[in-house]
Amino acid sequence: MSEGVQIAREATSQDPAVGLRAVRALRELAERLETLQVDRARDQGWSWQDIATCLGVSRQAVHKKYGGRRILGRER
């Protein structure tokens, strides 16, 4: 069974300690995946507005979260 499937199962555990740890792990995974995809979108020339629309947030929110990052000496 994949780790993702295991975490998803644990998120519905009757034991709150197990469930809450799984929820935290899912949140961390989602953050890493979002960062990866934002980086890919910017590398492909997407605007902050395009990214924001896909994420369901404002352009300002996505730019505030990711706009100041520096990758390999380049500003994002």
Protein backbone atom coordinates (compact mmCIF):
# COMPACT_ATOMS: atom_id res chain seq x y z
CA MET A 1 0.00 0.00 0.00
CA SER A 2 1.37 3.45 -0.86
CA GLU A 3 2.26 5.91 1.86
CA GLY A 4 -0.39 8.36 0.61
CA VAL A 5 -3.12 5.74 0.85
CA GLN A 6 -1.96 4.78 4.34
CA ILE A 7 -2.02 8.42 5.49
CA ALA A 8 -5.49 8.90 4.02
CA ARG A 9 -6.74 5.83 5.90
CA GLU A 10 -5.19 7.05 9.12
CA ALA A 11 -6.92 10.42 8.70
CA THR A 12 -10.25 8.67 9.32
CA SER A 13 -9.02 6.71 12.33
CA GLN A 14 -11.22 6.46 15.41
CA ASP A 15 -8.13 7.42 17.43
CA PRO A 16 -7.85 11.23 17.32
CA ALA A 17 -4.07 11.12 17.87
CA VAL A 18 -3.62 8.95 14.76
CA GLY A 19 -6.13 10.97 12.76
CA LEU A 20 -4.66 14.34 13.65
CA ARG A 21 -1.10 13.23 12.85
CA ALA A 22 -2.35 12.03 9.48
CA VAL A 23 -4.14 15.32 8.83
CA ARG A 24 -0.89 17.18 9.58
CA ALA A 25 1.03 14.89 7.19
CA LEU A 26 -1.55 15.49 4.45
CA ARG A 27 -1.36 19.26 4.99
CA GLU A 28 2.44 19.17 4.72
CA LEU A 29 2.24 17.06 1.57
CA ALA A 30 -0.29 19.44 0.01
CA GLU A 31 1.99 22.42 0.76
CA ARG A 32 4.98 20.72 -0.87
CA LEU A 33 2.92 19.79 -3.94
CA GLU A 34 1.50 23.31 -4.23
CA THR A 35 5.00 24.80 -4.09
CA LEU A 36 6.21 22.37 -6.75
CA GLN A 37 3.33 23.21 -9.08
CA VAL A 38 3.60 26.97 -8.54
CA ASP A 39 7.29 26.74 -9.45
CA ARG A 40 6.45 24.74 -12.58
CA ALA A 41 3.75 27.21 -13.58
CA ARG A 42 6.08 30.20 -13.14
CA ASP A 43 8.82 28.40 -15.11
CA GLN A 44 6.30 27.98 -17.93
CA GLY A 45 5.41 31.68 -17.88
CA TRP A 46 2.12 31.58 -16.01
CA SER A 47 1.01 34.83 -14.42
CA TRP A 48 0.28 35.13 -10.72
CA GLN A 49 -3.37 35.60 -11.70
CA ASP A 50 -3.42 32.31 -13.66
CA ILE A 51 -1.97 30.46 -10.67
CA ALA A 52 -4.32 32.18 -8.23
CA THR A 53 -7.35 31.25 -10.32
CA CYS A 54 -6.38 27.56 -10.27
CA LEU A 55 -5.78 27.65 -6.51
CA GLY A 56 -9.00 29.55 -5.80
CA VAL A 57 -7.24 32.44 -4.06
CA SER A 58 -6.45 36.05 -4.91
CA ARG A 59 -3.48 37.04 -7.03
CA GLN A 60 -2.19 39.02 -4.06
CA ALA A 61 -2.37 35.99 -1.76
CA VAL A 62 -0.41 33.72 -4.10
CA HIS A 63 2.14 36.42 -4.86
CA LYS A 64 2.62 37.15 -1.16
CA LYS A 65 3.17 33.45 -0.43
CA TYR A 66 5.49 32.65 -3.35
CA GLY A 67 6.61 35.93 -4.92
CA GLY A 68 9.62 36.59 -2.72
CA ARG A 69 11.15 33.12 -3.00
CA ARG A 70 14.54 32.76 -4.58
CA ILE A 71 15.43 29.55 -6.43
CA LEU A 72 18.95 29.01 -7.78
CA GLY A 73 19.70 32.72 -7.55
CA ARG A 74 16.56 33.72 -9.42
CA GLU A 75 13.75 35.64 -7.80
CA ARG A 76 10.37 33.96 -8.06
